[in-house]
Amino acid sequence: VQLVESGGGLVQPGGSLRLLCEASGFPFSKADMKWVRQAPGKGVEFVSRINGRGSTRDYAGFVKGRFTISRDNVKKVVYLQLSNLTTEDTAIYYCAYDDTRGQGTQVTVLA
């Protein structure tokens, strides 16, 4: 299993980013995929989940309509569109399959 995240960066409050997770080594189109994040000094928290077909999506309460998860089963990529970002969203964002996470991508929302 290999998961490679990208797309993080520095943004102003209210800004947007699109995160990508390229997956390989497992039956991607059948896999539920998650995004989780870890803010400085805090534990890992769930952000969003999408099922293999892309027909079911779940979000953490703090998302409040600001993030959108999607996937492309041909490209084996999961996306997380982040919008209306706040400083509270500063964290390392990871995609995950079962208990495996990638190396993460840093999102920093400037104060």
C-alpha atoms as a PDB file:
ATOM      1  CA  VAL A   1       0.000   0.000   0.000  1.00  0.00           C
ATOM      2  CA  GLN A   2       1.333   3.414  -0.959  1.00  0.00           C
ATOM      3  CA  LEU A   3      -0.365   6.751  -0.421  1.00  0.00           C
ATOM      4  CA  VAL A   4       1.220  10.000  -1.569  1.00  0.00           C
ATOM      5  CA  GLU A   5      -0.386  13.298  -0.632  1.00  0.00           C
ATOM      6  CA  SER A   6       0.258  16.659  -2.244  1.00  0.00           C
ATOM      7  CA  GLY A   7      -1.349  20.044  -2.718  1.00  0.00           C
ATOM      8  CA  GLY A   8      -0.764  21.619   0.676  1.00  0.00           C
ATOM      9  CA  GLY A   9       0.682  25.084   1.140  1.00  0.00           C
ATOM     10  CA  LEU A  10       0.360  28.517   2.721  1.00  0.00           C
ATOM     11  CA  VAL A  11      -2.915  30.398   2.347  1.00  0.00           C
ATOM     12  CA  GLN A  12      -4.635  33.432   3.759  1.00  0.00           C
ATOM     13  CA  PRO A  13      -7.787  33.007   5.854  1.00  0.00           C
ATOM     14  CA  GLY A  14     -10.704  32.461   3.528  1.00  0.00           C
ATOM     15  CA  GLY A  15      -8.465  30.869   0.932  1.00  0.00           C
ATOM     16  CA  SER A  16      -8.719  27.495  -0.797  1.00  0.00           C
ATOM     17  CA  LEU A  17      -6.518  24.513  -1.566  1.00  0.00           C
ATOM     18  CA  ARG A  18      -7.038  21.195  -3.295  1.00  0.00           C
ATOM     19  CA  LEU A  19      -5.279  18.235  -1.755  1.00  0.00           C
ATOM     20  CA  LEU A  20      -4.538  15.068  -3.725  1.00  0.00           C
ATOM     21  CA  CYS A  21      -3.747  11.541  -2.635  1.00  0.00           C
ATOM     22  CA  GLU A  22      -2.310   9.156  -5.195  1.00  0.00           C
ATOM     23  CA  ALA A  23      -2.856   5.536  -4.206  1.00  0.00           C
ATOM     24  CA  SER A  24      -1.333   2.254  -5.295  1.00  0.00           C
ATOM     25  CA  GLY A  25      -0.868  -1.321  -4.125  1.00  0.00           C
ATOM     26  CA  PHE A  26      -4.467  -2.216  -3.248  1.00  0.00           C
ATOM     27  CA  PRO A  27      -7.878  -2.499  -4.964  1.00  0.00           C
ATOM     28  CA  PHE A  28      -8.552   1.210  -4.973  1.00  0.00           C
ATOM     29  CA  SER A  29     -12.015   1.233  -6.555  1.00  0.00           C
ATOM     30  CA  LYS A  30     -13.323  -0.973  -3.745  1.00  0.00           C
ATOM     31  CA  ALA A  31     -11.622   0.902  -0.921  1.00  0.00           C
ATOM     32  CA  ASP A  32     -13.156   3.359   1.481  1.00  0.00           C
ATOM     33  CA  MET A  33     -10.736   6.252   1.754  1.00  0.00           C
ATOM     34  CA  LYS A  34     -10.369   8.843   4.480  1.00  0.00           C
ATOM     35  CA  TRP A  35      -8.693  12.156   5.080  1.00  0.00           C
ATOM     36  CA  VAL A  36      -7.496  12.858   8.600  1.00  0.00           C
ATOM     37  CA  ARG A  37      -5.423  15.691  10.000  1.00  0.00           C
ATOM     38  CA  GLN A  38      -3.119  16.503  12.866  1.00  0.00           C
ATOM     39  CA  ALA A  39      -2.736  20.036  14.123  1.00  0.00           C
ATOM     40  CA  PRO A  40       0.382  21.112  16.038  1.00  0.00           C
ATOM     41  CA  GLY A  41       0.341  19.637  19.546  1.00  0.00           C
ATOM     42  CA  LYS A  42      -2.920  17.752  18.966  1.00  0.00           C
ATOM     43  CA  GLY A  43      -4.003  14.234  18.096  1.00  0.00           C
ATOM     44  CA  VAL A  44      -5.133  12.920  14.757  1.00  0.00           C
ATOM     45  CA  GLU A  45      -8.733  13.787  13.903  1.00  0.00           C
ATOM     46  CA  PHE A  46     -11.090  12.548  11.221  1.00  0.00           C
ATOM     47  CA  VAL A  47     -11.910  14.968   8.422  1.00  0.00           C
ATOM     48  CA  SER A  48     -13.805  13.094   5.722  1.00  0.00           C
ATOM     49  CA  ARG A  49     -14.554   9.688   4.238  1.00  0.00           C
ATOM     50  CA  ILE A  50     -15.679   8.453   0.835  1.00  0.00           C
ATOM     51  CA  ASN A  51     -16.737   4.967  -0.176  1.00  0.00           C
ATOM     52  CA  GLY A  52     -15.289   3.038  -3.096  1.00  0.00           C
ATOM     53  CA  ARG A  53     -17.928   4.096  -5.598  1.00  0.00           C
ATOM     54  CA  GLY A  54     -17.896   7.690  -4.445  1.00  0.00           C
ATOM     55  CA  SER A  55     -21.605   7.525  -3.650  1.00  0.00           C
ATOM     56  CA  THR A  56     -21.305   8.064   0.109  1.00  0.00           C
ATOM     57  CA  ARG A  57     -19.372  10.866   1.780  1.00  0.00           C
ATOM     58  CA  ASP A  58     -19.039  11.769   5.443  1.00  0.00           C
ATOM     59  CA  TYR A  59     -17.551  14.843   7.054  1.00  0.00           C
ATOM     60  CA  ALA A  60     -16.517  15.881  10.523  1.00  0.00           C
ATOM     61  CA  GLY A  61     -18.713  18.443  12.192  1.00  0.00           C
ATOM     62  CA  PHE A  62     -16.127  21.200  11.980  1.00  0.00           C
ATOM     63  CA  VAL A  63     -16.136  21.017   8.151  1.00  0.00           C
ATOM     64  CA  LYS A  64     -19.495  22.814   7.977  1.00  0.00           C
ATOM     65  CA  GLY A  65     -19.780  22.603   4.199  1.00  0.00           C
ATOM     66  CA  ARG A  66     -16.311  24.027   3.548  1.00  0.00           C
ATOM     67  CA  PHE A  67     -14.564  20.850   2.331  1.00  0.00           C
ATOM     68  CA  THR A  68     -15.469  18.411  -0.438  1.00  0.00           C
ATOM     69  CA  ILE A  69     -14.074  14.916  -0.841  1.00  0.00           C
ATOM     70  CA  SER A  70     -14.072  13.192  -4.221  1.00  0.00           C
ATOM     71  CA  ARG A  71     -12.234  10.474  -6.069  1.00  0.00           C
ATOM     72  CA  ASP A  72     -11.193   9.306  -9.526  1.00  0.00           C
ATOM     73  CA  ASN A  73     -11.026   5.523  -9.621  1.00  0.00           C
ATOM     74  CA  VAL A  74      -9.360   5.508 -13.036  1.00  0.00           C
ATOM     75  CA  LYS A  75      -6.502   7.706 -11.853  1.00  0.00           C
ATOM     76  CA  LYS A  76      -6.567   6.153  -8.345  1.00  0.00           C
ATOM     77  CA  VAL A  77      -6.665   9.563  -6.723  1.00  0.00           C
ATOM     78  CA  VAL A  78      -8.645  10.961  -3.809  1.00  0.00           C
ATOM     79  CA  TYR A  79      -9.151  14.708  -3.569  1.00  0.00           C
ATOM     80  CA  LEU A  80     -10.024  17.016  -0.727  1.00  0.00           C
ATOM     81  CA  GLN A  81     -11.099  20.493  -1.774  1.00  0.00           C
ATOM     82  CA  LEU A  82     -10.615  22.930   1.111  1.00  0.00           C
ATOM     83  CA  SER A  83     -12.421  26.252   1.041  1.00  0.00           C
ATOM     84  CA  ASN A  84     -12.990  29.174   3.402  1.00  0.00           C
ATOM     85  CA  LEU A  85      -9.984  28.102   5.439  1.00  0.00           C
ATOM     86  CA  THR A  86      -9.338  29.421   8.927  1.00  0.00           C
ATOM     87  CA  THR A  87      -6.289  29.294  11.164  1.00  0.00           C
ATOM     88  CA  GLU A  88      -7.946  26.371  12.954  1.00  0.00           C
ATOM     89  CA  ASP A  89      -7.448  24.318   9.775  1.00  0.00           C
ATOM     90  CA  THR A  90      -3.659  24.512  10.015  1.00  0.00           C
ATOM     91  CA  ALA A  91      -2.481  20.905  10.192  1.00  0.00           C
ATOM     92  CA  ILE A  92      -0.798  18.077   8.377  1.00  0.00           C
ATOM     93  CA  TYR A  93      -3.417  16.380   6.240  1.00  0.00           C
ATOM     94  CA  TYR A  94      -3.143  12.657   5.575  1.00  0.00           C
ATOM     95  CA  CYS A  95      -5.115  10.317   3.407  1.00  0.00           C
ATOM     96  CA  ALA A  96      -5.693   6.879   4.834  1.00  0.00           C
ATOM     97  CA  TYR A  97      -6.676   3.398   3.787  1.00  0.00           C
ATOM     98  CA  ASP A  98      -7.440   1.070   6.686  1.00  0.00           C
ATOM     99  CA  ASP A  99      -4.597   1.732   9.141  1.00  0.00           C
ATOM    100  CA  THR A 100      -2.166   3.064   6.555  1.00  0.00           C
ATOM    101  CA  ARG A 101      -1.488   6.767   6.073  1.00  0.00           C
ATOM    102  CA  GLY A 102       0.738   8.604   3.676  1.00  0.00           C
ATOM    103  CA  GLN A 103       3.445  11.054   4.651  1.00  0.00           C
ATOM    104  CA  GLY A 104       0.985  13.916   4.745  1.00  0.00           C
ATOM    105  CA  THR A 105       0.843  17.377   3.243  1.00  0.00           C
ATOM    106  CA  GLN A 106       1.128  20.548   5.314  1.00  0.00           C
ATOM    107  CA  VAL A 107      -1.651  23.111   5.212  1.00  0.00           C
ATOM    108  CA  THR A 108      -0.869  26.408   6.907  1.00  0.00           C
ATOM    109  CA  VAL A 109      -3.445  29.172   7.152  1.00  0.00           C
ATOM    110  CA  LEU A 110      -1.667  32.397   7.975  1.00  0.00           C
ATOM    111  CA  ALA A 111      -2.802  34.334  11.022  1.00  0.00           C
END
